[in-house]
Amino acid sequence: MPARPPSKPPSRTPSRSPSRNEDASRRRKLPERGETVPGERYKPRVPTSGPRAPATPKDASLPPRDGERIAKLLARAGIASRREVERMIADGRVKLNGTVIDTPATVLLNLRGVAVDDKPVAPPAAARLFRFHKPAGLITAERDPAKRPTIYDALRNALPTGTPRMMPVGRLDLNTEGLLLLTNDGELKRAMELPASGIPRTYRARTYGDVTQSQLEDLMDGIEIEGMRYGPIDANMERRTGRNQWIELTLTEGKNREVRRVLEFLGLEVSRLLRLAYGPFHLEDLPRGAAEEVRQVDVERFRKGLGAE
């Protein structure tokens, strides 16, 4: 038997170390879906074209569940936010055909027979959105134990007669003024408030003290104050007179008193703070204490981009 020729050893391609740029691009964290970069205008997500494959249920042996959770239905109907509805249910304030509902996980096809505080719930109305120029000195709440004036005291005269109950999207503290959005749709409110939605909020602050543009630019890296981590903030000096300056800031988290805390951490005293924009909605020249409804077509376009349907 003739001898078999020796097998050819497999060729080896010498490994190549990645360049610095390639290595950095591999380590760079990709933005999560729906995130926006502070300083950029909010851009609704555009769905990709073409048919989508149906979602596979976790357990194909289980029949699909019809209806939606009652907390979500009541929030959409404008009764309150989903979290507030859950508290109402826990307090025994929600009934179905006269029987108290004891869990927010109750699934219903609609709100027929549902009552809150023994008052029948009307079918959900179309989502509405108002721009309100909140003056300083008002609490963003329905009631205040200290009897301070609230935004609802001003809204009685600002909103058209017959407007359904409106809920604020986010909050502005007592001394902060400017744009406050109001909606009758609890699901839209919740979606707009979630940090994961990445909706930018733009503020303008009048401050006193010493700060440089370089210090403001460092805020793009985020900052930690007393154990609280704040994400990137796009801050720019507008104009300065002596030690007084106007600073514009854009952020996406909207944590409690975030702008004031960050500026005070930099050694600045904030004497006035206004919110100029929330996503694609702007304060513009809306008079202080006035409210104006956003066009329905703009609300629906925004809802679709936000995924709050």
C-alpha atoms as a PDB file:
ATOM      1  CA  MET A   1       0.000   0.000   0.000  1.00  0.00           C
ATOM      2  CA  PRO A   2       1.514   3.332  -0.998  1.00  0.00           C
ATOM      3  CA  ALA A   3       2.343   5.713   1.832  1.00  0.00           C
ATOM      4  CA  ARG A   4      -0.166   8.552   2.369  1.00  0.00           C
ATOM      5  CA  PRO A   5       1.271  11.993   1.782  1.00  0.00           C
ATOM      6  CA  PRO A   6       1.623  14.029   4.963  1.00  0.00           C
ATOM      7  CA  SER A   7      -1.403  16.229   5.621  1.00  0.00           C
ATOM      8  CA  LYS A   8      -0.934  19.923   5.095  1.00  0.00           C
ATOM      9  CA  PRO A   9      -0.853  21.773   8.396  1.00  0.00           C
ATOM     10  CA  PRO A  10      -3.681  24.265   8.757  1.00  0.00           C
ATOM     11  CA  SER A  11      -2.708  27.772   7.891  1.00  0.00           C
ATOM     12  CA  ARG A  12      -2.760  30.275  10.700  1.00  0.00           C
ATOM     13  CA  THR A  13      -3.436  33.903  10.202  1.00  0.00           C
ATOM     14  CA  PRO A  14      -1.410  35.973  12.615  1.00  0.00           C
ATOM     15  CA  SER A  15      -3.654  37.694  15.152  1.00  0.00           C
ATOM     16  CA  ARG A  16      -3.922  41.443  14.947  1.00  0.00           C
ATOM     17  CA  SER A  17      -4.305  43.593  18.013  1.00  0.00           C
ATOM     18  CA  PRO A  18      -7.177  46.037  17.677  1.00  0.00           C
ATOM     19  CA  SER A  19      -6.253  49.643  17.231  1.00  0.00           C
ATOM     20  CA  ARG A  20      -7.026  52.157  19.954  1.00  0.00           C
ATOM     21  CA  ASN A  21     -10.026  53.492  18.011  1.00  0.00           C
ATOM     22  CA  GLU A  22     -11.428  49.987  17.431  1.00  0.00           C
ATOM     23  CA  ASP A  23     -10.931  49.032  21.064  1.00  0.00           C
ATOM     24  CA  ALA A  24     -12.632  52.203  22.269  1.00  0.00           C
ATOM     25  CA  SER A  25     -15.578  51.689  19.927  1.00  0.00           C
ATOM     26  CA  ARG A  26     -16.064  48.162  21.273  1.00  0.00           C
ATOM     27  CA  ARG A  27     -16.102  49.429  24.862  1.00  0.00           C
ATOM     28  CA  ARG A  28     -18.376  52.365  24.108  1.00  0.00           C
ATOM     29  CA  LYS A  29     -21.806  51.827  25.623  1.00  0.00           C
ATOM     30  CA  LEU A  30     -24.540  51.903  23.022  1.00  0.00           C
ATOM     31  CA  PRO A  31     -27.559  54.026  23.975  1.00  0.00           C
ATOM     32  CA  GLU A  32     -30.608  52.194  25.154  1.00  0.00           C
ATOM     33  CA  ARG A  33     -33.682  52.237  22.951  1.00  0.00           C
ATOM     34  CA  GLY A  34     -35.538  55.493  23.471  1.00  0.00           C
ATOM     35  CA  GLU A  35     -32.621  57.388  25.037  1.00  0.00           C
ATOM     36  CA  THR A  36     -31.670  60.823  23.804  1.00  0.00           C
ATOM     37  CA  VAL A  37     -28.528  62.825  24.386  1.00  0.00           C
ATOM     38  CA  PRO A  38     -28.987  65.968  26.504  1.00  0.00           C
ATOM     39  CA  GLY A  39     -28.947  68.993  24.255  1.00  0.00           C
ATOM     40  CA  GLU A  40     -30.588  67.234  21.319  1.00  0.00           C
ATOM     41  CA  ARG A  41     -34.258  67.805  20.565  1.00  0.00           C
ATOM     42  CA  TYR A  42     -36.502  64.857  21.341  1.00  0.00           C
ATOM     43  CA  LYS A  43     -37.032  62.631  18.323  1.00  0.00           C
ATOM     44  CA  PRO A  44     -39.869  60.098  18.506  1.00  0.00           C
ATOM     45  CA  ARG A  45     -38.904  56.567  17.576  1.00  0.00           C
ATOM     46  CA  VAL A  46     -39.909  55.740  14.016  1.00  0.00           C
ATOM     47  CA  PRO A  47     -41.138  52.147  13.615  1.00  0.00           C
ATOM     48  CA  THR A  48     -39.320  50.090  11.011  1.00  0.00           C
ATOM     49  CA  SER A  49     -41.242  49.236   7.863  1.00  0.00           C
ATOM     50  CA  GLY A  50     -42.393  45.773   6.934  1.00  0.00           C
ATOM     51  CA  PRO A  51     -44.395  43.111   8.755  1.00  0.00           C
ATOM     52  CA  ARG A  52     -43.408  42.042  12.236  1.00  0.00           C
ATOM     53  CA  ALA A  53     -43.345  38.500  13.456  1.00  0.00           C
ATOM     54  CA  PRO A  54     -45.967  37.813  16.131  1.00  0.00           C
ATOM     55  CA  ALA A  55     -44.647  37.718  19.663  1.00  0.00           C
ATOM     56  CA  THR A  56     -44.217  34.247  21.093  1.00  0.00           C
ATOM     57  CA  PRO A  57     -46.053  33.810  24.409  1.00  0.00           C
ATOM     58  CA  LYS A  58     -44.008  32.694  27.384  1.00  0.00           C
ATOM     59  CA  ASP A  59     -46.145  29.579  27.676  1.00  0.00           C
ATOM     60  CA  ALA A  60     -47.821  28.516  24.431  1.00  0.00           C
ATOM     61  CA  SER A  61     -50.066  26.105  26.341  1.00  0.00           C
ATOM     62  CA  LEU A  62     -51.816  29.010  28.105  1.00  0.00           C
ATOM     63  CA  PRO A  63     -54.601  30.839  26.273  1.00  0.00           C
ATOM     64  CA  PRO A  64     -54.019  34.546  25.618  1.00  0.00           C
ATOM     65  CA  ARG A  65     -55.379  36.825  28.339  1.00  0.00           C
ATOM     66  CA  ASP A  66     -58.057  39.249  27.148  1.00  0.00           C
ATOM     67  CA  GLY A  67     -58.446  42.731  28.534  1.00  0.00           C
ATOM     68  CA  GLU A  68     -56.121  44.951  30.535  1.00  0.00           C
ATOM     69  CA  ARG A  69     -55.346  45.553  34.192  1.00  0.00           C
ATOM     70  CA  ILE A  70     -57.837  47.836  35.863  1.00  0.00           C
ATOM     71  CA  ALA A  71     -55.137  50.228  37.091  1.00  0.00           C
ATOM     72  CA  LYS A  72     -54.057  50.834  33.501  1.00  0.00           C
ATOM     73  CA  LEU A  73     -57.654  51.317  32.292  1.00  0.00           C
ATOM     74  CA  LEU A  74     -58.429  53.823  35.058  1.00  0.00           C
ATOM     75  CA  ALA A  75     -55.207  55.712  34.411  1.00  0.00           C
ATOM     76  CA  ARG A  76     -56.054  55.943  30.722  1.00  0.00           C
ATOM     77  CA  ALA A  77     -59.519  57.212  31.657  1.00  0.00           C
ATOM     78  CA  GLY A  78     -57.884  60.088  33.527  1.00  0.00           C
ATOM     79  CA  ILE A  79     -58.940  59.035  37.032  1.00  0.00           C
ATOM     80  CA  ALA A  80     -55.353  59.263  38.318  1.00  0.00           C
ATOM     81  CA  SER A  81     -51.888  57.968  37.567  1.00  0.00           C
ATOM     82  CA  ARG A  82     -51.449  54.198  37.660  1.00  0.00           C
ATOM     83  CA  ARG A  83     -49.645  54.361  40.997  1.00  0.00           C
ATOM     84  CA  GLU A  84     -52.367  56.555  42.516  1.00  0.00           C
ATOM     85  CA  VAL A  85     -55.032  54.178  41.208  1.00  0.00           C
ATOM     86  CA  GLU A  86     -53.272  51.287  42.939  1.00  0.00           C
ATOM     87  CA  ARG A  87     -53.448  53.240  46.204  1.00  0.00           C
ATOM     88  CA  MET A  88     -57.174  53.866  45.626  1.00  0.00           C
ATOM     89  CA  ILE A  89     -57.714  50.138  45.147  1.00  0.00           C
ATOM     90  CA  ALA A  90     -55.771  49.370  48.327  1.00  0.00           C
ATOM     91  CA  ASP A  91     -58.026  51.829  50.191  1.00  0.00           C
ATOM     92  CA  GLY A  92     -61.158  50.065  48.897  1.00  0.00           C
ATOM     93  CA  ARG A  93     -62.332  53.023  46.838  1.00  0.00           C
ATOM     94  CA  VAL A  94     -62.792  51.104  43.563  1.00  0.00           C
ATOM     95  CA  LYS A  95     -65.768  48.805  42.942  1.00  0.00           C
ATOM     96  CA  LEU A  96     -66.982  46.578  40.130  1.00  0.00           C
ATOM     97  CA  ASN A  97     -70.759  46.116  40.026  1.00  0.00           C
ATOM     98  CA  GLY A  98     -70.918  47.121  43.691  1.00  0.00           C
ATOM     99  CA  THR A  99     -68.146  44.766  44.868  1.00  0.00           C
ATOM    100  CA  VAL A 100     -64.876  46.215  46.163  1.00  0.00           C
ATOM    101  CA  ILE A 101     -61.871  45.364  43.975  1.00  0.00           C
ATOM    102  CA  ASP A 102     -58.979  44.248  46.159  1.00  0.00           C
ATOM    103  CA  THR A 103     -56.144  43.942  43.634  1.00  0.00           C
ATOM    104  CA  PRO A 104     -54.805  46.193  40.837  1.00  0.00           C
ATOM    105  CA  ALA A 105     -54.058  42.995  38.867  1.00  0.00           C
ATOM    106  CA  THR A 106     -57.769  42.604  38.064  1.00  0.00           C
ATOM    107  CA  VAL A 107     -58.147  42.262  34.280  1.00  0.00           C
ATOM    108  CA  LEU A 108     -61.149  43.806  32.518  1.00  0.00           C
ATOM    109  CA  LEU A 109     -62.216  44.312  28.927  1.00  0.00           C
ATOM    110  CA  ASN A 110     -63.574  47.786  29.696  1.00  0.00           C
ATOM    111  CA  LEU A 111     -64.685  49.996  32.581  1.00  0.00           C
ATOM    112  CA  ARG A 112     -68.379  49.106  32.387  1.00  0.00           C
ATOM    113  CA  GLY A 113     -69.699  48.732  35.947  1.00  0.00           C
ATOM    114  CA  VAL A 114     -66.584  50.264  37.556  1.00  0.00           C
ATOM    115  CA  ALA A 115     -67.054  53.026  40.109  1.00  0.00           C
ATOM    116  CA  VAL A 116     -64.562  55.128  42.081  1.00  0.00           C
ATOM    117  CA  ASP A 117     -65.846  56.536  45.369  1.00  0.00           C
ATOM    118  CA  ASP A 118     -69.251  55.177  44.282  1.00  0.00           C
ATOM    119  CA  LYS A 119     -69.240  57.342  41.151  1.00  0.00           C
ATOM    120  CA  PRO A 120     -69.457  55.484  37.808  1.00  0.00           C
ATOM    121  CA  VAL A 121     -66.376  55.892  35.630  1.00  0.00           C
ATOM    122  CA  ALA A 122     -67.030  57.397  32.226  1.00  0.00           C
ATOM    123  CA  PRO A 123     -65.441  55.811  29.117  1.00  0.00           C
ATOM    124  CA  PRO A 124     -61.916  57.109  28.363  1.00  0.00           C
ATOM    125  CA  ALA A 125     -61.840  60.357  26.436  1.00  0.00           C
ATOM    126  CA  ALA A 126     -59.269  61.194  23.794  1.00  0.00           C
ATOM    127  CA  ALA A 127     -55.888  62.178  25.203  1.00  0.00           C
ATOM    128  CA  ARG A 128     -55.543  65.939  25.607  1.00  0.00           C
ATOM    129  CA  LEU A 129     -52.471  67.980  26.447  1.00  0.00           C
ATOM    130  CA  PHE A 130     -52.191  71.567  27.648  1.00  0.00           C
ATOM    131  CA  ARG A 131     -49.223  73.901  28.002  1.00  0.00           C
ATOM    132  CA  PHE A 132     -49.451  75.910  31.234  1.00  0.00           C
ATOM    133  CA  HIS A 133     -47.165  78.788  32.226  1.00  0.00           C
ATOM    134  CA  LYS A 134     -46.806  78.118  35.943  1.00  0.00           C
ATOM    135  CA  PRO A 135     -46.027  81.203  38.019  1.00  0.00           C
ATOM    136  CA  ALA A 136     -43.671  80.995  41.000  1.00  0.00           C
ATOM    137  CA  GLY A 137     -45.388  80.537  44.356  1.00  0.00           C
ATOM    138  CA  LEU A 138     -47.736  77.674  43.360  1.00  0.00           C
ATOM    139  CA  ILE A 139     -47.542  74.064  44.559  1.00  0.00           C
ATOM    140  CA  THR A 140     -47.767  71.363  41.884  1.00  0.00           C
ATOM    141  CA  ALA A 141     -50.394  69.387  43.776  1.00  0.00           C
ATOM    142  CA  GLU A 142     -54.153  69.171  44.090  1.00  0.00           C
ATOM    143  CA  ARG A 143     -54.148  69.990  47.807  1.00  0.00           C
ATOM    144  CA  ASP A 144     -51.527  71.292  50.222  1.00  0.00           C
ATOM    145  CA  PRO A 145     -51.674  70.585  53.991  1.00  0.00           C
ATOM    146  CA  ALA A 146     -50.058  73.979  54.627  1.00  0.00           C
ATOM    147  CA  LYS A 147     -52.904  75.663  52.677  1.00  0.00           C
ATOM    148  CA  ARG A 148     -50.504  77.202  50.149  1.00  0.00           C
ATOM    149  CA  PRO A 149     -51.987  78.028  46.721  1.00  0.00           C
ATOM    150  CA  THR A 150     -51.757  75.232  44.146  1.00  0.00           C
ATOM    151  CA  ILE A 151     -51.699  75.110  40.363  1.00  0.00           C
ATOM    152  CA  TYR A 152     -55.372  74.081  40.437  1.00  0.00           C
ATOM    153  CA  ASP A 153     -56.295  77.433  41.969  1.00  0.00           C
ATOM    154  CA  ALA A 154     -54.856  79.097  38.858  1.00  0.00           C
ATOM    155  CA  LEU A 155     -56.171  76.472  36.428  1.00  0.00           C
ATOM    156  CA  ARG A 156     -59.799  77.188  37.327  1.00  0.00           C
ATOM    157  CA  ASN A 157     -59.531  80.398  35.321  1.00  0.00           C
ATOM    158  CA  ALA A 158     -56.886  79.248  32.822  1.00  0.00           C
ATOM    159  CA  LEU A 159     -58.591  76.133  31.400  1.00  0.00           C
ATOM    160  CA  PRO A 160     -61.699  76.268  29.197  1.00  0.00           C
ATOM    161  CA  THR A 161     -65.058  75.490  30.813  1.00  0.00           C
ATOM    162  CA  GLY A 162     -65.833  71.777  30.683  1.00  0.00           C
ATOM    163  CA  THR A 163     -62.200  70.632  30.554  1.00  0.00           C
ATOM    164  CA  PRO A 164     -61.847  67.183  32.211  1.00  0.00           C
ATOM    165  CA  ARG A 165     -59.596  66.628  35.208  1.00  0.00           C
ATOM    166  CA  MET A 166     -56.030  67.393  34.175  1.00  0.00           C
ATOM    167  CA  MET A 167     -52.900  65.912  35.743  1.00  0.00           C
ATOM    168  CA  PRO A 168     -49.464  67.565  35.715  1.00  0.00           C
ATOM    169  CA  VAL A 169     -46.687  65.816  33.791  1.00  0.00           C
ATOM    170  CA  GLY A 170     -43.853  65.875  36.302  1.00  0.00           C
ATOM    171  CA  ARG A 171     -43.538  68.670  38.837  1.00  0.00           C
ATOM    172  CA  LEU A 172     -42.152  72.139  39.256  1.00  0.00           C
ATOM    173  CA  ASP A 173     -41.313  73.114  42.825  1.00  0.00           C
ATOM    174  CA  LEU A 174     -42.806  76.109  44.621  1.00  0.00           C
ATOM    175  CA  ASN A 175     -40.361  78.709  43.327  1.00  0.00           C
ATOM    176  CA  THR A 176     -39.800  77.276  39.840  1.00  0.00           C
ATOM    177  CA  GLU A 177     -41.845  78.763  37.010  1.00  0.00           C
ATOM    178  CA  GLY A 178     -42.328  78.117  33.321  1.00  0.00           C
ATOM    179  CA  LEU A 179     -43.704  75.268  31.230  1.00  0.00           C
ATOM    180  CA  LEU A 180     -45.853  72.669  32.970  1.00  0.00           C
ATOM    181  CA  LEU A 181     -47.662  70.135  30.789  1.00  0.00           C
ATOM    182  CA  LEU A 182     -51.106  68.872  31.794  1.00  0.00           C
ATOM    183  CA  THR A 183     -52.960  65.831  30.476  1.00  0.00           C
ATOM    184  CA  ASN A 184     -56.150  63.877  31.137  1.00  0.00           C
ATOM    185  CA  ASP A 185     -54.444  60.596  30.138  1.00  0.00           C
ATOM    186  CA  GLY A 186     -52.671  58.760  32.962  1.00  0.00           C
ATOM    187  CA  GLU A 187     -50.779  56.454  30.614  1.00  0.00           C
ATOM    188  CA  LEU A 188     -49.414  59.380  28.610  1.00  0.00           C
ATOM    189  CA  LYS A 189     -48.411  61.138  31.839  1.00  0.00           C
ATOM    190  CA  ARG A 190     -46.548  58.061  33.091  1.00  0.00           C
ATOM    191  CA  ALA A 191     -44.745  57.480  29.790  1.00  0.00           C
ATOM    192  CA  MET A 192     -43.575  61.100  29.633  1.00  0.00           C
ATOM    193  CA  GLU A 193     -42.249  61.026  33.198  1.00  0.00           C
ATOM    194  CA  LEU A 194     -40.222  57.815  32.902  1.00  0.00           C
ATOM    195  CA  PRO A 195     -36.457  58.499  32.656  1.00  0.00           C
ATOM    196  CA  ALA A 196     -36.230  55.619  30.161  1.00  0.00           C
ATOM    197  CA  SER A 197     -38.262  57.701  27.697  1.00  0.00           C
ATOM    198  CA  GLY A 198     -35.254  60.034  27.431  1.00  0.00           C
ATOM    199  CA  ILE A 199     -37.344  63.168  26.950  1.00  0.00           C
ATOM    200  CA  PRO A 200     -35.165  66.279  27.382  1.00  0.00           C
ATOM    201  CA  ARG A 201     -36.219  69.110  29.679  1.00  0.00           C
ATOM    202  CA  THR A 202     -34.665  72.535  29.156  1.00  0.00           C
ATOM    203  CA  TYR A 203     -34.311  75.124  31.945  1.00  0.00           C
ATOM    204  CA  ARG A 204     -32.975  78.655  32.219  1.00  0.00           C
ATOM    205  CA  ALA A 205     -31.469  79.722  35.544  1.00  0.00           C
ATOM    206  CA  ARG A 206     -30.417  83.141  36.835  1.00  0.00           C
ATOM    207  CA  THR A 207     -27.546  82.584  39.230  1.00  0.00           C
ATOM    208  CA  TYR A 208     -25.063  84.514  41.353  1.00  0.00           C
ATOM    209  CA  GLY A 209     -21.494  83.392  41.962  1.00  0.00           C
ATOM    210  CA  ASP A 210     -18.379  82.347  40.110  1.00  0.00           C
ATOM    211  CA  VAL A 211     -18.459  79.580  37.522  1.00  0.00           C
ATOM    212  CA  THR A 212     -16.692  78.903  34.230  1.00  0.00           C
ATOM    213  CA  GLN A 213     -17.952  77.393  31.006  1.00  0.00           C
ATOM    214  CA  SER A 214     -15.431  74.604  31.518  1.00  0.00           C
ATOM    215  CA  GLN A 215     -17.073  73.693  34.838  1.00  0.00           C
ATOM    216  CA  LEU A 216     -20.463  73.650  33.155  1.00  0.00           C
ATOM    217  CA  GLU A 217     -19.194  71.425  30.345  1.00  0.00           C
ATOM    218  CA  ASP A 218     -17.932  68.924  32.934  1.00  0.00           C
ATOM    219  CA  LEU A 219     -21.567  68.256  33.833  1.00  0.00           C
ATOM    220  CA  MET A 220     -21.860  66.251  30.599  1.00  0.00           C
ATOM    221  CA  ASP A 221     -19.986  63.502  32.446  1.00  0.00           C
ATOM    222  CA  GLY A 222     -22.619  63.415  35.174  1.00  0.00           C
ATOM    223  CA  ILE A 223     -22.082  64.315  38.800  1.00  0.00           C
ATOM    224  CA  GLU A 224     -22.609  62.758  42.227  1.00  0.00           C
ATOM    225  CA  ILE A 225     -23.883  64.896  45.111  1.00  0.00           C
ATOM    226  CA  GLU A 226     -24.266  63.440  48.609  1.00  0.00           C
ATOM    227  CA  GLY A 227     -24.624  59.918  47.261  1.00  0.00           C
ATOM    228  CA  MET A 228     -27.112  60.886  44.532  1.00  0.00           C
ATOM    229  CA  ARG A 229     -25.910  60.327  40.958  1.00  0.00           C
ATOM    230  CA  TYR A 230     -27.132  62.729  38.275  1.00  0.00           C
ATOM    231  CA  GLY A 231     -26.791  61.902  34.599  1.00  0.00           C
ATOM    232  CA  PRO A 232     -25.352  64.078  31.821  1.00  0.00           C
ATOM    233  CA  ILE A 233     -26.443  67.733  31.783  1.00  0.00           C
ATOM    234  CA  ASP A 234     -25.805  70.003  28.812  1.00  0.00           C
ATOM    235  CA  ALA A 235     -25.164  73.403  30.436  1.00  0.00           C
ATOM    236  CA  ASN A 236     -24.120  76.624  28.707  1.00  0.00           C
ATOM    237  CA  MET A 237     -23.462  80.167  29.855  1.00  0.00           C
ATOM    238  CA  GLU A 238     -25.828  82.554  28.117  1.00  0.00           C
ATOM    239  CA  ARG A 239     -24.650  85.911  29.385  1.00  0.00           C
ATOM    240  CA  ARG A 240     -22.872  87.342  32.394  1.00  0.00           C
ATOM    241  CA  THR A 241     -22.911  90.672  34.197  1.00  0.00           C
ATOM    242  CA  GLY A 242     -20.352  90.756  36.975  1.00  0.00           C
ATOM    243  CA  ARG A 243     -21.042  87.714  39.139  1.00  0.00           C
ATOM    244  CA  ASN A 244     -24.604  87.349  37.830  1.00  0.00           C
ATOM    245  CA  GLN A 245     -25.231  85.008  34.904  1.00  0.00           C
ATOM    246  CA  TRP A 246     -27.985  83.226  33.015  1.00  0.00           C
ATOM    247  CA  ILE A 247     -27.335  79.515  32.400  1.00  0.00           C
ATOM    248  CA  GLU A 248     -29.324  77.192  30.113  1.00  0.00           C
ATOM    249  CA  LEU A 249     -29.434  73.499  31.046  1.00  0.00           C
ATOM    250  CA  THR A 250     -30.887  70.460  29.279  1.00  0.00           C
ATOM    251  CA  LEU A 251     -31.298  67.110  31.039  1.00  0.00           C
ATOM    252  CA  THR A 252     -33.342  63.929  30.654  1.00  0.00           C
ATOM    253  CA  GLU A 253     -33.786  62.572  34.177  1.00  0.00           C
ATOM    254  CA  GLY A 254     -35.715  65.318  35.970  1.00  0.00           C
ATOM    255  CA  LYS A 255     -34.943  64.162  39.527  1.00  0.00           C
ATOM    256  CA  ASN A 256     -36.301  66.156  42.454  1.00  0.00           C
ATOM    257  CA  ARG A 257     -34.716  69.662  42.549  1.00  0.00           C
ATOM    258  CA  GLU A 258     -31.979  68.397  40.203  1.00  0.00           C
ATOM    259  CA  VAL A 259     -31.132  71.735  38.559  1.00  0.00           C
ATOM    260  CA  ARG A 260     -30.999  73.657  41.842  1.00  0.00           C
ATOM    261  CA  ARG A 261     -28.917  71.020  43.611  1.00  0.00           C
ATOM    262  CA  VAL A 262     -26.366  70.802  40.807  1.00  0.00           C
ATOM    263  CA  LEU A 263     -25.957  74.584  40.507  1.00  0.00           C
ATOM    264  CA  GLU A 264     -25.726  75.026  44.276  1.00  0.00           C
ATOM    265  CA  PHE A 265     -23.086  72.283  44.350  1.00  0.00           C
ATOM    266  CA  LEU A 266     -21.057  74.452  41.949  1.00  0.00           C
ATOM    267  CA  GLY A 267     -21.249  77.286  44.471  1.00  0.00           C
ATOM    268  CA  LEU A 268     -23.999  79.253  42.718  1.00  0.00           C
ATOM    269  CA  GLU A 269     -27.051  80.889  44.244  1.00  0.00           C
ATOM    270  CA  VAL A 270     -30.169  80.386  42.110  1.00  0.00           C
ATOM    271  CA  SER A 271     -32.444  83.429  42.181  1.00  0.00           C
ATOM    272  CA  ARG A 272     -34.795  82.409  39.369  1.00  0.00           C
ATOM    273  CA  LEU A 273     -35.495  79.152  37.530  1.00  0.00           C
ATOM    274  CA  LEU A 274     -37.736  78.649  34.493  1.00  0.00           C
ATOM    275  CA  ARG A 275     -38.534  75.564  32.449  1.00  0.00           C
ATOM    276  CA  LEU A 276     -38.494  76.456  28.757  1.00  0.00           C
ATOM    277  CA  ALA A 277     -39.256  73.125  27.095  1.00  0.00           C
ATOM    278  CA  TYR A 278     -40.371  69.554  27.728  1.00  0.00           C
ATOM    279  CA  GLY A 279     -39.575  67.412  24.711  1.00  0.00           C
ATOM    280  CA  PRO A 280     -40.992  69.038  21.574  1.00  0.00           C
ATOM    281  CA  PHE A 281     -43.310  71.322  23.581  1.00  0.00           C
ATOM    282  CA  HIS A 282     -42.045  74.843  24.328  1.00  0.00           C
ATOM    283  CA  LEU A 283     -43.098  77.690  26.599  1.00  0.00           C
ATOM    284  CA  GLU A 284     -42.584  80.291  23.866  1.00  0.00           C
ATOM    285  CA  ASP A 285     -44.550  83.493  24.576  1.00  0.00           C
ATOM    286  CA  LEU A 286     -47.370  81.906  26.592  1.00  0.00           C
ATOM    287  CA  PRO A 287     -48.378  84.501  29.232  1.00  0.00           C
ATOM    288  CA  ARG A 288     -47.744  83.719  32.891  1.00  0.00           C
ATOM    289  CA  GLY A 289     -50.730  81.915  34.419  1.00  0.00           C
ATOM    290  CA  ALA A 290     -52.222  81.083  31.016  1.00  0.00           C
ATOM    291  CA  ALA A 291     -52.903  77.644  29.492  1.00  0.00           C
ATOM    292  CA  GLU A 292     -53.153  76.633  25.849  1.00  0.00           C
ATOM    293  CA  GLU A 293     -54.178  73.277  24.393  1.00  0.00           C
ATOM    294  CA  VAL A 294     -51.799  71.384  22.114  1.00  0.00           C
ATOM    295  CA  ARG A 295     -53.327  70.427  18.768  1.00  0.00           C
ATOM    296  CA  GLN A 296     -54.792  66.919  18.795  1.00  0.00           C
ATOM    297  CA  VAL A 297     -52.794  65.911  15.732  1.00  0.00           C
ATOM    298  CA  ASP A 298     -49.564  66.867  17.544  1.00  0.00           C
ATOM    299  CA  VAL A 299     -50.594  64.913  20.644  1.00  0.00           C
ATOM    300  CA  GLU A 300     -51.325  61.771  18.634  1.00  0.00           C
ATOM    301  CA  ARG A 301     -48.088  62.066  16.683  1.00  0.00           C
ATOM    302  CA  PHE A 302     -46.164  62.420  19.939  1.00  0.00           C
ATOM    303  CA  ARG A 303     -47.992  59.475  21.558  1.00  0.00           C
ATOM    304  CA  LYS A 304     -47.140  57.198  18.658  1.00  0.00           C
ATOM    305  CA  GLY A 305     -43.481  58.147  18.771  1.00  0.00           C
ATOM    306  CA  LEU A 306     -43.426  57.663  22.526  1.00  0.00           C
ATOM    307  CA  GLY A 307     -45.146  54.285  22.395  1.00  0.00           C
ATOM    308  CA  ALA A 308     -47.883  55.388  24.834  1.00  0.00           C
ATOM    309  CA  GLU A 309     -50.791  53.776  23.003  1.00  0.00           C
END
